[in-house]
Amino acid sequence: MLPALAAFRHPRATREIVLDGRLVAYEVKRRKRRTIGFSVGAEGLAVSAPKWVPLYEIDQAVQGKSGWILKKLHETHERHRQLESARIDWQEGATFPFLGESVRVVLDSCQLHTALEAGSASAEAARILRIKLPPDATPGQIQLAVQAWLLQQARQLFSARLDFFAAQLGVEWRKLSLSSAATRWGSASTSGAIRLNWRLVHFSPAVVDYVVVHELSHLRFMDHSPHFWATVHGVMPNHAALRRQLKDEVIPRW
């Protein structure tokens, strides 16, 4: 059962309808198309319809898809809430995930260079990233310092895992590039160039390995055919669960 929410309102809404007791204000887009289409994004529900379809038929179509629409609206709302809660306030004591574990920022102007230290004996305690910055460092300075350290860790880790799995797959990679794409975690080209999103270092090592294996497998099959997935499965039998984790887990916004 979906939790009760007062309303789902699109900022450019031109129509309103009540679905299962919830007010849904949605945007209508007139398009050159034959059927009515529905899309739910961060802003809410948008309905694309042919120019000749009357508004009452659009309302009927929305009503007919009410179950799917409410489910997607709720999922999008919850995802946005999780993303907002993952936003980091960059200051002394801020925490962020690194390889699936919590790391706490400590500012230390006497530090020679940024270094990761073990936390306390408690299994729940965060590890410490000691940064060479004064106590009055700005949030921007702290964020840049953490990001620079993460980029360095990403390049070292990704290179090592590419070497490890390339030997198992019998392929050769030639170049590694780091990306900061909003939605894409990796890519591979026939030249042997691999591109990986540096933000993967927020995930557990197993998830990082899945993306590495996925992209290296493309050096054998540049598609997502059964042969490709069989190659991935041969090295990483639990790839489906790791793929879901990559999709569902919320990491910090940069």
Protein backbone atom coordinates (compact mmCIF):
# COMPACT_ATOMS: atom_id res chain seq x y z
CA MET A 1 0.00 0.00 0.00
CA LEU A 2 1.34 3.44 -0.94
CA PRO A 3 1.75 6.02 1.82
CA ALA A 4 -0.69 8.90 1.72
CA LEU A 5 0.66 12.05 0.11
CA ALA A 6 -1.27 15.29 -0.25
CA ALA A 7 -0.57 15.79 -3.94
CA PHE A 8 1.80 15.19 -6.82
CA ARG A 9 2.05 18.46 -8.71
CA HIS A 10 4.03 19.02 -11.91
CA PRO A 11 5.45 22.59 -12.07
CA ARG A 12 3.99 23.03 -15.57
CA ALA A 13 0.71 21.27 -14.84
CA THR A 14 -2.27 22.13 -17.01
CA ARG A 15 -4.67 19.40 -15.81
CA GLU A 16 -5.63 17.96 -12.44
CA ILE A 17 -7.16 14.62 -11.54
CA VAL A 18 -7.78 12.62 -8.37
CA LEU A 19 -6.32 9.11 -8.42
CA ASP A 20 -7.15 6.85 -5.49
CA GLY A 21 -7.70 9.88 -3.26
CA ARG A 22 -4.54 11.69 -4.31
CA LEU A 23 -4.50 14.87 -6.34
CA VAL A 24 -2.26 14.55 -9.40
CA ALA A 25 -1.59 17.72 -11.38
CA TYR A 26 0.05 16.81 -14.67
CA GLU A 27 1.48 18.42 -17.78
CA VAL A 28 -0.12 17.78 -21.15
CA LYS A 29 2.15 17.83 -24.18
CA ARG A 30 0.64 17.84 -27.63
CA ARG A 31 2.77 15.79 -30.01
CA LYS A 32 2.71 14.30 -33.48
CA ARG A 33 1.97 10.78 -32.35
CA ARG A 34 -0.78 8.18 -32.64
CA THR A 35 -1.28 7.19 -29.02
CA ILE A 36 -1.21 8.69 -25.54
CA GLY A 37 2.08 8.27 -23.69
CA PHE A 38 2.98 8.67 -20.02
CA SER A 39 6.27 9.62 -18.38
CA VAL A 40 7.09 10.17 -14.72
CA GLY A 41 10.22 12.11 -13.86
CA ALA A 42 11.62 14.28 -11.10
CA GLU A 43 9.03 16.99 -11.86
CA GLY A 44 6.03 14.68 -11.88
CA LEU A 45 3.64 13.23 -14.46
CA ALA A 46 3.74 14.36 -18.08
CA VAL A 47 1.27 13.06 -20.67
CA SER A 48 2.00 13.24 -24.38
CA ALA A 49 -1.04 13.07 -26.61
CA PRO A 50 -1.94 13.55 -30.28
CA LYS A 51 -3.30 16.98 -31.12
CA TRP A 52 -6.70 15.58 -32.04
CA VAL A 53 -7.40 13.75 -28.75
CA PRO A 54 -9.86 15.68 -26.51
CA LEU A 55 -8.92 16.44 -22.92
CA TYR A 56 -11.60 14.20 -21.43
CA GLU A 57 -10.06 11.20 -23.25
CA ILE A 58 -6.67 12.12 -21.83
CA ASP A 59 -8.20 12.19 -18.34
CA GLN A 60 -9.74 8.76 -18.97
CA ALA A 61 -6.39 7.40 -20.10
CA VAL A 62 -4.70 8.78 -16.98
CA GLN A 63 -7.40 7.20 -14.82
CA GLY A 64 -6.88 3.89 -16.58
CA LYS A 65 -3.16 3.96 -15.76
CA SER A 66 -3.67 5.19 -12.20
CA GLY A 67 -2.00 2.23 -10.51
CA TRP A 68 1.18 2.49 -12.56
CA ILE A 69 1.24 6.29 -12.34
CA LEU A 70 0.90 6.39 -8.54
CA LYS A 71 3.54 3.71 -8.12
CA LYS A 72 6.02 5.62 -10.30
CA LEU A 73 5.22 8.96 -8.65
CA HIS A 74 5.84 7.48 -5.23
CA GLU A 75 9.09 5.82 -6.32
CA THR A 76 10.33 9.08 -7.82
CA HIS A 77 9.34 11.04 -4.72
CA GLU A 78 11.15 8.54 -2.47
CA ARG A 79 14.23 8.56 -4.68
CA HIS A 80 14.38 12.36 -4.52
CA ARG A 81 14.05 12.22 -0.72
CA GLN A 82 16.93 9.74 -0.51
CA LEU A 83 19.10 11.86 -2.79
CA GLU A 84 18.48 14.92 -0.68
CA SER A 85 19.30 13.03 2.51
CA ALA A 86 22.57 11.89 0.90
CA ARG A 87 23.66 15.46 0.25
CA ILE A 88 26.85 16.19 2.23
CA ASP A 89 27.42 19.29 4.35
CA TRP A 90 31.14 19.73 3.75
CA GLN A 91 32.61 20.63 7.12
CA GLU A 92 34.69 19.09 9.91
CA GLY A 93 33.13 15.73 10.78
CA ALA A 94 31.29 15.28 7.47
CA THR A 95 30.93 11.63 6.42
CA PHE A 96 30.82 9.99 3.00
CA PRO A 97 30.92 6.39 1.73
CA PHE A 98 34.18 4.97 0.35
CA LEU A 99 34.13 1.40 -0.98
CA GLY A 100 30.93 0.81 0.93
CA GLU A 101 32.25 2.04 4.30
CA SER A 102 31.68 5.32 6.09
CA VAL A 103 34.58 7.77 6.17
CA ARG A 104 34.70 10.87 8.41
CA VAL A 105 36.50 14.07 7.43
CA VAL A 106 39.03 15.51 9.88
CA LEU A 107 40.84 18.78 9.14
CA ASP A 108 44.51 18.93 10.17
CA SER A 109 46.72 21.77 8.94
CA CYS A 110 49.80 19.91 10.26
CA GLN A 111 49.11 16.93 8.00
CA LEU A 112 51.71 16.40 5.23
CA HIS A 113 49.13 15.02 2.80
CA THR A 114 45.59 13.64 2.78
CA ALA A 115 45.55 10.17 4.32
CA LEU A 116 42.96 7.57 5.28
CA GLU A 117 43.20 6.16 8.79
CA ALA A 118 41.39 3.36 10.53
CA GLY A 119 38.63 4.30 12.93
CA SER A 120 38.14 2.98 16.43
CA ALA A 121 37.74 -0.67 17.31
CA SER A 122 33.97 -0.35 16.98
CA ALA A 123 32.66 -2.01 13.82
CA GLU A 124 30.22 0.88 13.39
CA ALA A 125 32.86 3.62 13.68
CA ALA A 126 33.77 5.54 10.56
CA ARG A 127 37.28 5.52 9.21
CA ILE A 128 39.03 8.89 9.20
CA LEU A 129 40.20 10.89 6.20
CA ARG A 130 42.69 13.39 7.58
CA ILE A 131 42.98 16.37 5.22
CA LYS A 132 45.70 19.01 5.15
CA LEU A 133 43.40 22.00 5.65
CA PRO A 134 43.01 24.57 8.44
CA PRO A 135 40.00 24.45 10.79
CA ASP A 136 38.46 27.47 9.04
CA ALA A 137 38.54 25.88 5.57
CA THR A 138 35.46 26.63 3.45
CA PRO A 139 32.99 23.91 2.40
CA GLY A 140 34.23 24.32 -1.18
CA GLN A 141 37.84 23.73 -0.16
CA ILE A 142 36.91 20.63 1.83
CA GLN A 143 34.82 19.21 -1.01
CA LEU A 144 37.59 19.76 -3.55
CA ALA A 145 40.16 18.12 -1.27
CA VAL A 146 37.98 15.06 -0.72
CA GLN A 147 37.17 14.81 -4.42
CA ALA A 148 40.85 15.05 -5.38
CA TRP A 149 41.64 12.21 -2.99
CA LEU A 150 38.76 10.08 -4.31
CA LEU A 151 39.87 10.64 -7.92
CA GLN A 152 43.36 9.44 -7.01
CA GLN A 153 41.96 6.37 -5.27
CA ALA A 154 39.63 5.65 -8.19
CA ARG A 155 42.42 5.65 -10.77
CA GLN A 156 44.63 3.36 -8.68
CA LEU A 157 41.81 0.95 -7.82
CA PHE A 158 40.30 0.81 -11.31
CA SER A 159 43.68 0.19 -12.95
CA ALA A 160 44.42 -2.69 -10.57
CA ARG A 161 41.01 -4.31 -11.08
CA LEU A 162 41.19 -3.88 -14.85
CA ASP A 163 44.52 -5.71 -14.86
CA PHE A 164 43.15 -8.45 -12.63
CA PHE A 165 40.00 -9.19 -14.63
CA ALA A 166 41.53 -8.60 -18.08
CA ALA A 167 43.79 -11.59 -17.42
CA GLN A 168 40.76 -13.74 -16.56
CA LEU A 169 38.81 -12.62 -19.62
CA GLY A 170 41.73 -12.85 -22.02
CA VAL A 171 41.40 -9.24 -23.19
CA GLU A 172 43.70 -6.23 -23.19
CA TRP A 173 42.72 -2.74 -22.13
CA ARG A 174 44.89 0.17 -23.30
CA LYS A 175 43.64 3.35 -21.67
CA LEU A 176 41.63 4.32 -18.59
CA SER A 177 39.66 7.57 -18.38
CA LEU A 178 37.61 8.78 -15.44
CA SER A 179 34.19 10.31 -15.99
CA SER A 180 31.66 12.13 -13.84
CA ALA A 181 28.58 11.29 -15.89
CA ALA A 182 25.27 11.67 -14.10
CA THR A 183 23.82 8.28 -15.07
CA ARG A 184 26.44 6.23 -16.92
CA TRP A 185 28.90 4.12 -14.92
CA GLY A 186 31.22 3.00 -17.69
CA SER A 187 31.91 2.47 -21.36
CA ALA A 188 34.37 0.60 -23.57
CA SER A 189 35.59 1.05 -27.12
CA THR A 190 37.03 -1.40 -29.63
CA SER A 191 40.39 0.37 -29.27
CA GLY A 192 40.66 -0.97 -25.72
CA ALA A 193 39.86 2.36 -24.07
CA ILE A 194 37.84 2.04 -20.86
CA ARG A 195 35.93 4.88 -19.26
CA LEU A 196 34.73 4.49 -15.66
CA ASN A 197 32.80 6.88 -13.44
CA TRP A 198 35.01 7.90 -10.51
CA ARG A 199 31.96 7.97 -8.21
CA LEU A 200 31.97 4.16 -8.28
CA VAL A 201 34.40 4.37 -5.35
CA HIS A 202 31.39 5.13 -3.14
CA PHE A 203 30.12 1.57 -3.72
CA SER A 204 31.40 -1.70 -2.28
CA PRO A 205 34.42 -3.36 -3.98
CA ALA A 206 32.12 -6.05 -5.39
CA VAL A 207 30.04 -3.46 -7.25
CA VAL A 208 33.19 -1.82 -8.62
CA ASP A 209 34.35 -5.23 -9.84
CA TYR A 210 31.01 -5.82 -11.58
CA VAL A 211 31.31 -2.61 -13.61
CA VAL A 212 34.94 -3.41 -14.46
CA VAL A 213 33.99 -6.91 -15.65
CA HIS A 214 31.03 -5.51 -17.57
CA GLU A 215 33.18 -3.06 -19.52
CA LEU A 216 36.02 -5.52 -20.13
CA SER A 217 33.50 -8.03 -21.46
CA HIS A 218 32.57 -5.47 -24.08
CA LEU A 219 36.09 -5.87 -25.48
CA ARG A 220 34.91 -9.33 -26.53
CA PHE A 221 31.30 -8.50 -27.42
CA MET A 222 30.33 -4.88 -28.16
CA ASP A 223 26.67 -5.50 -27.37
CA HIS A 224 24.45 -6.97 -24.66
CA SER A 225 23.83 -10.26 -26.43
CA PRO A 226 23.52 -13.63 -24.63
CA HIS A 227 27.21 -14.22 -25.46
CA PHE A 228 28.10 -10.98 -23.66
CA TRP A 229 26.13 -11.84 -20.52
CA ALA A 230 27.52 -15.38 -20.54
CA THR A 231 31.00 -13.85 -20.51
CA VAL A 232 30.11 -11.63 -17.54
CA HIS A 233 28.49 -14.57 -15.74
CA GLY A 234 31.55 -16.75 -16.25
CA VAL A 235 33.64 -14.35 -14.19
CA MET A 236 30.95 -12.96 -11.88
CA PRO A 237 27.99 -15.33 -11.33
CA ASN A 238 26.28 -12.90 -8.93
CA HIS A 239 26.33 -10.01 -11.43
CA ALA A 240 22.53 -9.59 -11.43
CA ALA A 241 22.43 -8.78 -7.70
CA LEU A 242 25.36 -6.39 -8.03
CA ARG A 243 23.68 -4.68 -10.97
CA ARG A 244 20.55 -4.12 -8.87
CA GLN A 245 22.67 -2.71 -6.05
CA LEU A 246 24.32 -0.31 -8.48
CA LYS A 247 20.89 0.86 -9.60
CA ASP A 248 19.18 1.09 -6.21
CA GLU A 249 21.86 2.32 -3.80
CA VAL A 250 21.91 6.06 -3.17
CA ILE A 251 25.32 7.73 -3.14
CA PRO A 252 26.31 11.36 -2.42
CA ARG A 253 25.48 14.09 -4.93
CA TRP A 254 28.44 16.11 -6.17
